Amino acid sequence: MSAVPPVSAPPALPTLPLDADGILALAARSMFHLFSSISQGMFLVDRSGRIVWVNEGYRRFLPALGFSSIDEFMGHMVEDVIPNTQMRRVLETGEPILVDLLTNKAGTFVVSRIPLRAESDGREGRAGEVIGAIGIVLFDQPETTLQPLISKFALLQRDLDDARRELASQRNNPLYQHAADGQRRSKYTFASFIGSSPAAVEVKRHARRAAQSTSPVLLLGETGTGKELLAHAIHASSARAKGQFVSVNIAAVPDTLLEAEFFGFAPGAFTGADRRGREGKFKLADGGSLFLDEIGDMPLGLQAKLLRALQEGEIEPLGSNKLVPFDARVIAATSRDLPELVRRGQFREDLYYRLNVLPLRVPPLRERRSDIPALVEALGEDMALRSGEAPPELTPDALALLAGQHWRGNIRELRNVLEQVTMRSDSQRIDAAQLERILREAGLDQIAPPDVLHSSGDEEAALLRPLAQQVAELEQKAIAAALASTGGNKLATSRLLGISRATLYERMTNPVR
């Protein structure tokens, strides 16, 4: 019989150190190796700021920094070889800079800077002395790798710029003071259009794009939705912002005076006319924007003259034989159904197509009920500014009641209700019972039940699902939106989302991973 070889014991598995110092040292080494492998580059400096170590990843940046070899780079003071670095500040303060943007001739990078300390002297709560620092390049080309974050930042920055322009424009707001030169200026910017609901965000996005064009804009929507406010904002964001913003409410001007209002008249053109003549709104808006409100109420006879003026870029004042050129961007608005008026022969089809180049539908308030709390706050502040009294405070049940109404008059009706309940209330705090009484007195036969603005129960139920499933659903929505925005172009979609084409195809074919 052959001898049975002895069974060897299995190799012992590695174990954690038993002492705290050993565990900390192991963790530090592991973290160092992890960052060295996954980061775009790392380097170390000593206490004096001299570069003493560079990993392989960082070496690829050296040519762009002006060094042909690592030997030329090593041993130099960090600020002498890396422009705009903040490593010296970390060495002097001992405070880390965890996330920062660094831009120099090598590019733009997301970086982290961490001080390195000596062993503690053992006294509780006292850290060791700073003996160096480590610099980590987390991301290079952040405009691609961090595109979603940068896009969100850009949106916030744009809204901040709008808010700044809104504050600056208050000097031209008649509520505060009249323009010293008597010029007509826009009173509002996109920051004035309150709301963060999907409907509000979408209309502001389209309006911003329209502001960059010179084509006519047609604002469509119910009365009180904010069409005139958007017209001001489009002008304020356009290349014509320094020009005049001239507004004409067609429904408020008698038909017999509309032509003179638009085109002006020559001296002595008719009985009672000013002997010096008068320029019309088209000429006043030269170099700026002309806002034609309630365009659907324009008489048929004047529509032909308006069409010719828009096509030819010139007008003929009443009583004059001279053609006067003008350069005004037309923004029209109406609460009426223009296509139906065209079918009934009450609005010229050719004029409709001339105006309907950039149509914008302004959503009614009932389609953006989640904006009601912000609107109530903004309207309350404006009312307080005008009256000199404190703004009203609405209880949650009062806000829910407001959100449940149909609002035929939209924001104008909402403001009217707020003004009434504020004037009739003895308290600054408004509850649902007070609001309901005002709504009934305003002529509403049926008061809609309160609407839960945030649908907290449904939202909580939707959130109580596996996180991977929710993330996958959000990814698919983002991919669908990006594909629609790029017309199905996969390369453009991947760049927009900040991912590779391979990752995009993987997400499209296997959404739940």
Protein backbone atom coordinates (compact mmCIF):
# COMPACT_ATOMS: atom_id res chain seq x y z
CA MET A 1 0.00 0.00 0.00
CA SER A 2 1.17 3.43 -0.85
CA ALA A 3 1.49 5.88 1.92
CA VAL A 4 -1.25 8.51 2.19
CA PRO A 5 0.32 11.96 2.06
CA PRO A 6 -0.42 14.10 5.07
CA VAL A 7 -3.17 16.68 4.64
CA SER A 8 -1.72 20.17 4.77
CA ALA A 9 -3.53 22.87 6.67
CA PRO A 10 -5.20 25.61 4.55
CA PRO A 11 -3.24 28.87 4.37
CA ALA A 12 -4.20 31.37 7.01
CA LEU A 13 -6.42 34.21 5.73
CA PRO A 14 -5.17 37.75 6.22
CA THR A 15 -6.69 39.45 9.23
CA LEU A 16 -7.02 43.02 10.42
CA PRO A 17 -4.42 44.32 12.83
CA LEU A 18 -5.53 44.09 16.42
CA ASP A 19 -4.28 47.49 17.50
CA ALA A 20 -5.81 50.87 16.59
CA ASP A 21 -2.58 52.26 15.16
CA GLY A 22 -2.21 49.26 12.87
CA ILE A 23 -5.78 49.61 11.62
CA LEU A 24 -5.26 53.33 10.90
CA ALA A 25 -2.01 52.66 9.07
CA LEU A 26 -3.67 49.95 6.96
CA ALA A 27 -6.60 52.25 6.16
CA ALA A 28 -4.22 55.07 5.17
CA ARG A 29 -2.25 52.79 2.85
CA SER A 30 -5.44 51.42 1.28
CA MET A 31 -6.88 54.87 0.71
CA PHE A 32 -3.60 56.08 -0.76
CA HIS A 33 -3.42 53.17 -3.22
CA LEU A 34 -7.12 53.60 -4.08
CA PHE A 35 -6.78 57.30 -4.90
CA SER A 36 -3.55 56.66 -6.78
CA SER A 37 -5.28 54.10 -9.01
CA ILE A 38 -8.68 55.73 -9.66
CA SER A 39 -7.68 59.41 -9.79
CA GLN A 40 -6.40 61.14 -12.89
CA GLY A 41 -3.15 61.99 -11.13
CA MET A 42 -1.45 62.56 -7.74
CA PHE A 43 1.65 64.28 -6.39
CA LEU A 44 3.18 65.02 -2.97
CA VAL A 45 4.98 68.09 -1.64
CA ASP A 46 7.07 68.37 1.51
CA ARG A 47 6.72 70.98 4.26
CA SER A 48 8.55 73.60 2.19
CA GLY A 49 6.27 73.04 -0.84
CA ARG A 50 8.86 71.14 -2.88
CA ILE A 51 7.51 68.35 -5.13
CA VAL A 52 8.88 65.03 -3.90
CA TRP A 53 6.70 62.39 -5.59
CA VAL A 54 4.50 62.09 -8.70
CA ASN A 55 2.48 59.05 -9.75
CA GLU A 56 2.25 57.68 -13.28
CA GLY A 57 -1.16 59.26 -13.95
CA TYR A 58 0.05 62.80 -13.29
CA ARG A 59 3.01 62.48 -15.66
CA ARG A 60 0.77 62.85 -18.72
CA PHE A 61 0.09 66.48 -17.72
CA LEU A 62 3.79 67.41 -17.70
CA PRO A 63 4.16 68.27 -21.45
CA ALA A 64 1.23 70.71 -21.23
CA LEU A 65 2.89 72.31 -18.19
CA GLY A 66 6.11 72.76 -20.20
CA PHE A 67 8.24 69.83 -18.97
CA SER A 68 9.67 67.12 -21.21
CA SER A 69 10.70 64.77 -18.39
CA ILE A 70 9.89 63.99 -14.79
CA ASP A 71 13.40 65.02 -13.75
CA GLU A 72 12.72 68.60 -14.85
CA PHE A 73 9.54 68.64 -12.75
CA MET A 74 10.68 67.00 -9.52
CA GLY A 75 12.31 69.08 -6.79
CA HIS A 76 10.73 72.40 -7.81
CA MET A 77 8.49 74.54 -5.62
CA VAL A 78 4.91 73.65 -6.43
CA GLU A 79 3.79 77.19 -7.35
CA ASP A 80 6.71 77.48 -9.78
CA VAL A 81 5.64 74.51 -11.90
CA ILE A 82 1.83 74.33 -11.39
CA PRO A 83 0.18 77.69 -12.12
CA ASN A 84 -2.77 78.75 -9.90
CA THR A 85 -2.22 75.96 -7.37
CA GLN A 86 -3.46 76.41 -3.79
CA MET A 87 -1.10 73.86 -2.23
CA ARG A 88 0.83 76.60 -0.38
CA ARG A 89 -2.39 77.65 1.36
CA VAL A 90 -2.97 74.05 2.53
CA LEU A 91 0.59 73.85 3.91
CA GLU A 92 0.22 77.14 5.78
CA THR A 93 -3.26 76.62 7.23
CA GLY A 94 -3.34 72.86 7.60
CA GLU A 95 -6.89 72.92 6.24
CA PRO A 96 -7.84 70.65 3.30
CA ILE A 97 -9.47 71.87 0.10
CA LEU A 98 -11.60 68.86 -0.73
CA VAL A 99 -13.17 69.97 -4.01
CA ASP A 100 -11.96 72.84 -6.18
CA LEU A 101 -11.62 73.83 -9.82
CA LEU A 102 -8.07 74.44 -11.05
CA THR A 103 -7.47 76.04 -14.45
CA ASN A 104 -4.05 76.48 -16.02
CA LYS A 105 -2.35 75.87 -19.36
CA ALA A 106 -2.78 72.11 -18.92
CA GLY A 107 -6.58 72.48 -18.80
CA THR A 108 -9.38 72.67 -16.23
CA PHE A 109 -9.47 70.07 -13.47
CA VAL A 110 -11.51 69.12 -10.42
CA VAL A 111 -8.88 68.72 -7.69
CA SER A 112 -8.54 67.88 -4.01
CA ARG A 113 -5.72 69.00 -1.69
CA ILE A 114 -5.10 67.26 1.65
CA PRO A 115 -2.48 68.12 4.30
CA LEU A 116 -0.17 65.35 5.61
CA ARG A 117 0.58 65.45 9.33
CA ALA A 118 3.26 63.92 11.54
CA GLU A 119 2.43 61.48 14.30
CA SER A 120 0.47 63.05 17.15
CA ASP A 121 2.35 63.76 20.35
CA GLY A 122 -0.26 61.79 22.23
CA ARG A 123 -2.18 64.66 23.75
CA GLU A 124 -5.91 64.27 23.20
CA GLY A 125 -7.44 66.44 20.49
CA ARG A 126 -4.06 67.67 19.22
CA ALA A 127 -3.14 66.87 15.61
CA GLY A 128 0.41 66.40 14.45
CA GLU A 129 2.37 69.11 12.68
CA VAL A 130 1.86 69.57 8.93
CA ILE A 131 4.82 67.94 7.15
CA GLY A 132 3.51 67.98 3.57
CA ALA A 133 0.48 67.79 1.38
CA ILE A 134 -0.98 65.61 -1.34
CA GLY A 135 -2.65 66.92 -4.50
CA ILE A 136 -5.22 64.75 -6.29
CA VAL A 137 -6.69 65.35 -9.76
CA LEU A 138 -10.20 63.91 -9.41
CA PHE A 139 -11.48 64.74 -12.91
CA ASP A 140 -9.95 66.23 -16.00
CA GLN A 141 -12.11 67.75 -18.75
CA PRO A 142 -14.93 68.45 -16.25
CA GLU A 143 -17.00 70.08 -18.99
CA THR A 144 -17.54 66.51 -20.29
CA THR A 145 -17.32 64.30 -17.22
CA LEU A 146 -19.38 66.62 -15.02
CA GLN A 147 -21.80 67.85 -17.69
CA PRO A 148 -25.03 67.25 -15.67
CA LEU A 149 -23.61 69.13 -12.67
CA ILE A 150 -22.24 71.95 -14.80
CA SER A 151 -25.57 72.26 -16.66
CA LYS A 152 -27.43 72.59 -13.38
CA PHE A 153 -24.93 75.18 -12.16
CA ALA A 154 -25.28 77.08 -15.44
CA LEU A 155 -29.08 77.10 -15.04
CA LEU A 156 -28.79 78.44 -11.48
CA GLN A 157 -26.27 81.04 -12.64
CA ARG A 158 -28.62 82.13 -15.43
CA ASP A 159 -31.51 82.51 -12.98
CA LEU A 160 -29.21 84.50 -10.69
CA ASP A 161 -28.26 86.76 -13.59
CA ASP A 162 -31.96 87.23 -14.37
CA ALA A 163 -32.60 88.16 -10.74
CA ARG A 164 -29.77 90.68 -10.83
CA ARG A 165 -31.13 92.22 -14.00
CA GLU A 166 -34.57 92.33 -12.38
CA LEU A 167 -33.20 94.27 -9.42
CA ALA A 168 -31.30 96.59 -11.71
CA SER A 169 -34.40 97.20 -13.83
CA GLN A 170 -36.41 98.40 -10.82
CA ARG A 171 -35.03 101.88 -11.41
CA ASN A 172 -37.18 101.90 -14.57
CA ASN A 173 -40.25 100.47 -12.88
CA PRO A 174 -42.98 103.11 -12.55
CA LEU A 175 -43.76 101.69 -9.11
CA TYR A 176 -40.43 103.08 -7.86
CA GLN A 177 -39.55 105.91 -10.21
CA HIS A 178 -39.97 106.96 -13.79
CA ALA A 179 -37.10 106.86 -16.24
CA ALA A 180 -35.38 110.23 -16.25
CA ASP A 181 -35.17 110.31 -20.03
CA GLY A 182 -38.84 109.41 -20.53
CA GLN A 183 -37.90 106.31 -22.51
CA ARG A 184 -40.05 103.20 -22.50
CA ARG A 185 -38.09 100.33 -20.94
CA SER A 186 -38.97 96.74 -20.15
CA LYS A 187 -40.12 96.36 -16.57
CA TYR A 188 -39.61 92.62 -16.14
CA THR A 189 -37.12 89.84 -16.80
CA PHE A 190 -37.51 86.07 -16.79
CA ALA A 191 -36.91 86.12 -13.03
CA SER A 192 -40.26 87.95 -12.76
CA PHE A 193 -42.10 84.92 -14.20
CA ILE A 194 -42.50 83.06 -10.90
CA GLY A 195 -42.61 79.28 -10.98
CA SER A 196 -40.50 76.12 -11.05
CA SER A 197 -43.17 73.68 -12.24
CA PRO A 198 -42.44 71.76 -15.45
CA ALA A 199 -44.93 73.95 -17.37
CA ALA A 200 -43.35 77.19 -16.12
CA VAL A 201 -39.80 76.00 -16.75
CA GLU A 202 -40.70 74.88 -20.28
CA VAL A 203 -42.31 78.16 -21.33
CA LYS A 204 -39.35 80.15 -19.93
CA ARG A 205 -36.95 77.90 -21.83
CA HIS A 206 -38.75 78.51 -25.13
CA ALA A 207 -39.05 82.24 -24.37
CA ARG A 208 -35.31 82.51 -23.76
CA ARG A 209 -34.67 80.90 -27.14
CA ALA A 210 -37.14 83.29 -28.76
CA ALA A 211 -35.28 86.23 -27.21
CA GLN A 212 -32.19 85.33 -29.22
CA SER A 213 -34.12 85.55 -32.51
CA THR A 214 -35.36 88.55 -34.47
CA SER A 215 -38.52 86.85 -35.78
CA PRO A 216 -42.01 87.82 -34.58
CA VAL A 217 -43.21 86.11 -31.39
CA LEU A 218 -46.85 85.17 -30.80
CA LEU A 219 -47.82 84.67 -27.15
CA LEU A 220 -50.95 82.55 -26.75
CA GLY A 221 -52.82 81.92 -23.55
CA GLU A 222 -55.77 82.76 -21.38
CA THR A 223 -56.19 86.16 -19.82
CA GLY A 224 -54.10 86.75 -16.71
CA THR A 225 -51.43 84.14 -17.41
CA GLY A 226 -48.52 86.58 -17.75
CA LYS A 227 -48.20 87.10 -21.51
CA GLU A 228 -47.24 90.77 -21.19
CA LEU A 229 -44.68 89.94 -18.51
CA LEU A 230 -43.05 87.42 -20.87
CA ALA A 231 -43.06 90.00 -23.66
CA HIS A 232 -41.09 92.37 -21.40
CA ALA A 233 -38.70 89.55 -20.47
CA ILE A 234 -38.09 88.56 -24.10
CA HIS A 235 -37.21 92.15 -24.93
CA ALA A 236 -34.97 92.50 -21.85
CA SER A 237 -32.99 89.38 -22.85
CA SER A 238 -32.71 90.24 -26.53
CA ALA A 239 -30.11 92.18 -28.46
CA ARG A 240 -32.64 95.06 -28.52
CA ALA A 241 -32.72 95.42 -24.73
CA LYS A 242 -31.22 98.93 -24.91
CA GLY A 243 -33.96 100.02 -27.30
CA GLN A 244 -37.48 101.04 -26.34
CA PHE A 245 -40.24 98.60 -25.42
CA VAL A 246 -43.47 100.07 -26.82
CA SER A 247 -46.78 98.46 -25.88
CA VAL A 248 -50.19 98.88 -27.51
CA ASN A 249 -53.34 97.26 -26.12
CA ILE A 250 -55.44 97.01 -29.26
CA ALA A 251 -58.62 96.22 -27.35
CA ALA A 252 -58.28 99.47 -25.36
CA VAL A 253 -57.94 101.82 -28.38
CA PRO A 254 -61.02 102.84 -30.42
CA ASP A 255 -60.97 101.46 -33.97
CA THR A 256 -61.01 104.94 -35.45
CA LEU A 257 -57.79 105.88 -33.66
CA LEU A 258 -55.83 102.67 -34.14
CA GLU A 259 -54.27 103.62 -37.47
CA ALA A 260 -53.00 106.95 -36.11
CA GLU A 261 -51.82 105.15 -32.97
CA PHE A 262 -49.81 102.68 -35.04
CA PHE A 263 -48.49 104.78 -37.89
CA GLY A 264 -48.71 108.35 -36.62
CA PHE A 265 -49.99 111.29 -38.69
CA ALA A 266 -48.65 114.25 -40.61
CA PRO A 267 -49.33 117.87 -39.52
CA GLY A 268 -52.97 118.79 -40.22
CA ALA A 269 -53.87 115.29 -41.38
CA PHE A 270 -57.39 115.62 -39.97
CA THR A 271 -59.54 118.04 -38.00
CA GLY A 272 -58.12 118.54 -34.52
CA ALA A 273 -54.78 116.96 -35.41
CA ASP A 274 -51.66 118.34 -33.79
CA ARG A 275 -50.06 120.92 -36.12
CA ARG A 276 -46.66 119.35 -35.51
CA GLY A 277 -47.80 115.86 -36.40
CA ARG A 278 -47.14 112.81 -34.30
CA GLU A 279 -45.02 109.68 -34.55
CA GLY A 280 -46.81 106.35 -34.26
CA LYS A 281 -45.92 103.42 -32.06
CA PHE A 282 -44.06 101.68 -34.91
CA LYS A 283 -41.64 104.57 -35.22
CA LEU A 284 -41.30 104.95 -31.45
CA ALA A 285 -40.26 101.28 -31.26
CA ASP A 286 -37.57 101.74 -33.92
CA GLY A 287 -34.51 99.81 -32.74
CA GLY A 288 -36.51 98.12 -29.98
CA SER A 289 -39.60 95.94 -29.59
CA LEU A 290 -43.28 96.60 -30.31
CA PHE A 291 -45.74 94.64 -28.19
CA LEU A 292 -49.19 94.26 -29.74
CA ASP A 293 -51.47 93.02 -26.98
CA GLU A 294 -54.86 91.47 -27.83
CA ILE A 295 -53.93 91.21 -31.52
CA GLY A 296 -57.06 89.10 -32.06
CA ASP A 297 -59.20 92.24 -31.56
CA MET A 298 -57.63 94.16 -34.44
CA PRO A 299 -60.16 95.32 -37.09
CA LEU A 300 -59.91 93.59 -40.47
CA GLY A 301 -59.30 96.87 -42.29
CA LEU A 302 -56.18 97.60 -40.29
CA GLN A 303 -54.84 94.04 -40.52
CA ALA A 304 -53.86 94.52 -44.17
CA LYS A 305 -51.89 97.67 -43.35
CA LEU A 306 -50.18 95.92 -40.44
CA LEU A 307 -49.22 93.02 -42.70
CA ARG A 308 -47.71 95.36 -45.27
CA ALA A 309 -45.78 97.23 -42.58
CA LEU A 310 -44.32 93.98 -41.25
CA GLN A 311 -43.41 92.72 -44.72
CA GLU A 312 -41.90 95.94 -46.06
CA GLY A 313 -40.41 97.38 -42.86
CA GLU A 314 -41.92 100.79 -43.58
CA ILE A 315 -45.03 102.74 -42.68
CA GLU A 316 -46.98 105.65 -44.19
CA PRO A 317 -48.30 108.10 -41.58
CA LEU A 318 -51.86 109.38 -42.02
CA GLY A 319 -52.01 112.40 -44.33
CA SER A 320 -48.47 111.83 -45.59
CA ASN A 321 -47.17 110.62 -48.95
CA LYS A 322 -43.79 109.62 -47.56
CA LEU A 323 -42.78 106.13 -46.53
CA VAL A 324 -40.98 105.99 -43.19
CA PRO A 325 -38.69 102.99 -42.56
CA PHE A 326 -38.67 101.35 -39.13
CA ASP A 327 -36.84 98.48 -37.45
CA ALA A 328 -38.91 97.02 -34.62
CA ARG A 329 -39.22 93.45 -33.43
CA VAL A 330 -42.92 92.58 -33.09
CA ILE A 331 -44.21 90.57 -30.12
CA ALA A 332 -47.95 89.90 -30.30
CA ALA A 333 -50.27 88.35 -27.73
CA THR A 334 -53.87 87.20 -27.62
CA SER A 335 -56.20 85.23 -25.42
CA ARG A 336 -58.44 84.39 -28.40
CA ASP A 337 -58.34 81.36 -30.68
CA LEU A 338 -56.65 82.84 -33.75
CA PRO A 339 -57.00 79.73 -35.98
CA GLU A 340 -60.74 79.78 -35.30
CA LEU A 341 -60.90 83.50 -36.12
CA VAL A 342 -59.07 82.74 -39.40
CA ARG A 343 -61.62 80.04 -40.26
CA ARG A 344 -64.48 82.47 -39.57
CA GLY A 345 -62.88 85.15 -41.71
CA GLN A 346 -62.35 87.52 -38.80
CA PHE A 347 -58.54 87.43 -38.95
CA ARG A 348 -56.40 87.48 -42.08
CA GLU A 349 -54.71 84.15 -42.75
CA ASP A 350 -51.61 85.77 -44.24
CA LEU A 351 -51.18 88.00 -41.18
CA TYR A 352 -51.63 84.99 -38.92
CA TYR A 353 -48.79 83.15 -40.64
CA ARG A 354 -46.66 86.28 -40.51
CA LEU A 355 -47.08 86.52 -36.73
CA ASN A 356 -47.10 82.81 -35.93
CA VAL A 357 -43.36 82.30 -36.54
CA LEU A 358 -42.39 81.67 -32.90
CA PRO A 359 -45.61 80.73 -31.07
CA LEU A 360 -45.42 80.39 -27.29
CA ARG A 361 -48.30 78.97 -25.28
CA VAL A 362 -48.36 80.42 -21.78
CA PRO A 363 -49.85 77.76 -19.45
CA PRO A 364 -52.87 78.60 -17.30
CA LEU A 365 -52.51 78.54 -13.54
CA ARG A 366 -54.42 75.26 -13.18
CA GLU A 367 -51.63 73.54 -15.16
CA ARG A 368 -48.96 74.69 -12.72
CA ARG A 369 -50.67 74.51 -9.34
CA SER A 370 -47.38 73.66 -7.60
CA ASP A 371 -46.29 77.26 -8.35
CA ILE A 372 -49.13 78.73 -6.27
CA PRO A 373 -47.20 78.97 -2.95
CA ALA A 374 -44.35 80.86 -4.66
CA LEU A 375 -46.84 83.08 -6.50
CA VAL A 376 -48.69 83.83 -3.27
CA GLU A 377 -45.43 84.83 -1.62
CA ALA A 378 -44.38 87.06 -4.53
CA LEU A 379 -47.81 88.68 -4.88
CA GLY A 380 -47.98 89.21 -1.12
CA GLU A 381 -44.60 90.95 -1.10
CA ASP A 382 -45.68 93.21 -3.96
CA MET A 383 -48.95 94.05 -2.22
CA ALA A 384 -47.04 94.87 0.96
CA LEU A 385 -44.64 97.08 -0.97
CA ARG A 386 -47.52 99.06 -2.43
CA SER A 387 -49.54 99.34 0.79
CA GLY A 388 -46.72 99.63 3.30
CA GLU A 389 -48.22 96.82 5.40
CA ALA A 390 -46.90 93.35 6.22
CA PRO A 391 -47.60 90.67 3.59
CA PRO A 392 -50.34 88.11 4.34
CA GLU A 393 -49.45 84.69 5.73
CA LEU A 394 -51.56 81.80 4.45
CA THR A 395 -51.97 78.60 6.42
CA PRO A 396 -51.27 75.26 4.69
CA ASP A 397 -54.98 74.50 4.41
CA ALA A 398 -55.53 77.90 2.77
CA LEU A 399 -52.79 77.22 0.22
CA ALA A 400 -54.30 73.79 -0.46
CA LEU A 401 -57.69 75.43 -1.06
CA LEU A 402 -56.14 77.89 -3.51
CA ALA A 403 -54.45 75.03 -5.36
CA GLY A 404 -57.77 73.27 -5.85
CA GLN A 405 -59.54 76.08 -7.71
CA HIS A 406 -59.98 76.35 -11.48
CA TRP A 407 -58.77 79.98 -11.73
CA ARG A 408 -60.51 81.19 -14.86
CA GLY A 409 -58.73 84.53 -14.46
CA ASN A 410 -55.42 82.84 -13.67
CA ILE A 411 -52.77 84.87 -11.81
CA ARG A 412 -54.78 88.11 -12.16
CA GLU A 413 -57.71 86.41 -10.40
CA LEU A 414 -55.40 84.95 -7.75
CA ARG A 415 -54.06 88.41 -7.00
CA ASN A 416 -57.59 89.81 -6.74
CA VAL A 417 -58.56 87.12 -4.22
CA LEU A 418 -55.43 87.76 -2.15
CA GLU A 419 -56.08 91.52 -2.13
CA GLN A 420 -59.70 91.01 -1.06
CA VAL A 421 -58.94 88.58 1.74
CA THR A 422 -56.08 90.79 2.99
CA MET A 423 -58.25 93.90 3.07
CA ARG A 424 -61.14 92.13 4.81
CA SER A 425 -59.12 90.22 7.38
CA ASP A 426 -58.33 91.60 10.82
CA SER A 427 -55.37 89.26 11.09
CA GLN A 428 -52.23 88.90 9.02
CA ARG A 429 -52.71 85.12 9.09
CA ILE A 430 -55.27 83.83 6.58
CA ASP A 431 -56.96 80.45 6.97
CA ALA A 432 -59.08 78.33 4.60
CA ALA A 433 -62.40 79.50 6.07
CA GLN A 434 -61.65 83.15 5.28
CA LEU A 435 -60.55 82.26 1.78
CA GLU A 436 -63.63 80.17 1.09
CA ARG A 437 -65.88 83.04 2.11
CA ILE A 438 -64.11 85.41 -0.30
CA LEU A 439 -64.27 82.86 -3.12
CA ARG A 440 -68.02 82.46 -2.68
CA GLU A 441 -68.55 86.22 -2.60
CA ALA A 442 -66.52 86.44 -5.83
CA GLY A 443 -69.25 84.48 -7.60
CA LEU A 444 -67.94 80.90 -7.53
CA ASP A 445 -70.92 78.58 -7.21
CA GLN A 446 -68.80 75.52 -6.62
CA ILE A 447 -65.67 75.69 -4.52
CA ALA A 448 -63.28 72.92 -5.46
CA PRO A 449 -62.01 70.82 -2.52
CA PRO A 450 -58.49 71.49 -1.28
CA ASP A 451 -55.76 70.03 -3.44
CA VAL A 452 -52.72 68.54 -1.72
CA LEU A 453 -49.97 70.44 -3.46
CA HIS A 454 -47.20 67.97 -2.82
CA SER A 455 -49.21 64.74 -2.76
CA SER A 456 -47.06 63.63 0.16
CA GLY A 457 -48.66 60.20 0.47
CA ASP A 458 -48.17 59.31 -3.18
CA GLU A 459 -44.63 60.72 -3.22
CA GLU A 460 -43.65 58.75 -0.14
CA ALA A 461 -45.11 55.57 -1.61
CA ALA A 462 -43.20 56.16 -4.83
CA LEU A 463 -39.97 56.60 -2.87
CA LEU A 464 -40.44 53.39 -0.87
CA ARG A 465 -39.11 51.22 -3.70
CA PRO A 466 -35.71 49.74 -4.45
CA LEU A 467 -33.23 52.54 -5.11
CA ALA A 468 -31.83 50.81 -8.21
CA GLN A 469 -35.31 50.79 -9.77
CA GLN A 470 -35.82 54.52 -9.10
CA VAL A 471 -32.36 55.38 -10.46
CA ALA A 472 -32.99 53.29 -13.58
CA GLU A 473 -36.31 55.06 -14.21
CA LEU A 474 -34.67 58.46 -13.83
CA GLU A 475 -31.87 57.43 -16.21
CA GLN A 476 -34.36 56.32 -18.84
CA LYS A 477 -36.23 59.63 -18.60
CA ALA A 478 -32.96 61.55 -18.97
CA ILE A 479 -31.90 59.43 -21.96
CA ALA A 480 -35.30 59.88 -23.63
CA ALA A 481 -35.18 63.65 -23.12
CA ALA A 482 -31.61 63.85 -24.45
CA LEU A 483 -32.46 61.74 -27.52
CA ALA A 484 -35.44 63.98 -28.25
CA SER A 485 -33.28 67.08 -27.84
CA THR A 486 -30.60 65.78 -30.24
CA GLY A 487 -32.99 64.29 -32.79
CA GLY A 488 -31.87 60.75 -31.99
CA ASN A 489 -28.15 61.42 -32.52
CA LYS A 490 -26.42 58.91 -30.22
CA LEU A 491 -23.03 60.67 -30.19
CA ALA A 492 -24.59 64.05 -29.34
CA THR A 493 -26.79 62.36 -26.72
CA SER A 494 -23.83 60.71 -25.01
CA ARG A 495 -21.97 64.03 -24.92
CA LEU A 496 -25.02 65.83 -23.55
CA LEU A 497 -25.36 63.26 -20.75
CA GLY A 498 -21.61 63.15 -20.08
CA ILE A 499 -21.24 59.41 -20.75
CA SER A 500 -19.58 57.32 -23.45
CA ARG A 501 -21.51 55.92 -26.39
CA ALA A 502 -20.85 52.41 -25.09
CA THR A 503 -22.42 53.35 -21.74
CA LEU A 504 -25.37 54.93 -23.54
CA TYR A 505 -26.03 51.77 -25.57
CA GLU A 506 -25.73 49.69 -22.42
CA ARG A 507 -28.26 51.85 -20.56
CA MET A 508 -30.65 51.74 -23.53
CA THR A 509 -30.50 47.94 -23.89
CA ASN A 510 -30.25 47.05 -20.22
CA PRO A 511 -31.91 49.81 -18.17
CA VAL A 512 -32.13 47.81 -14.93
CA ARG A 513 -28.66 46.64 -13.89
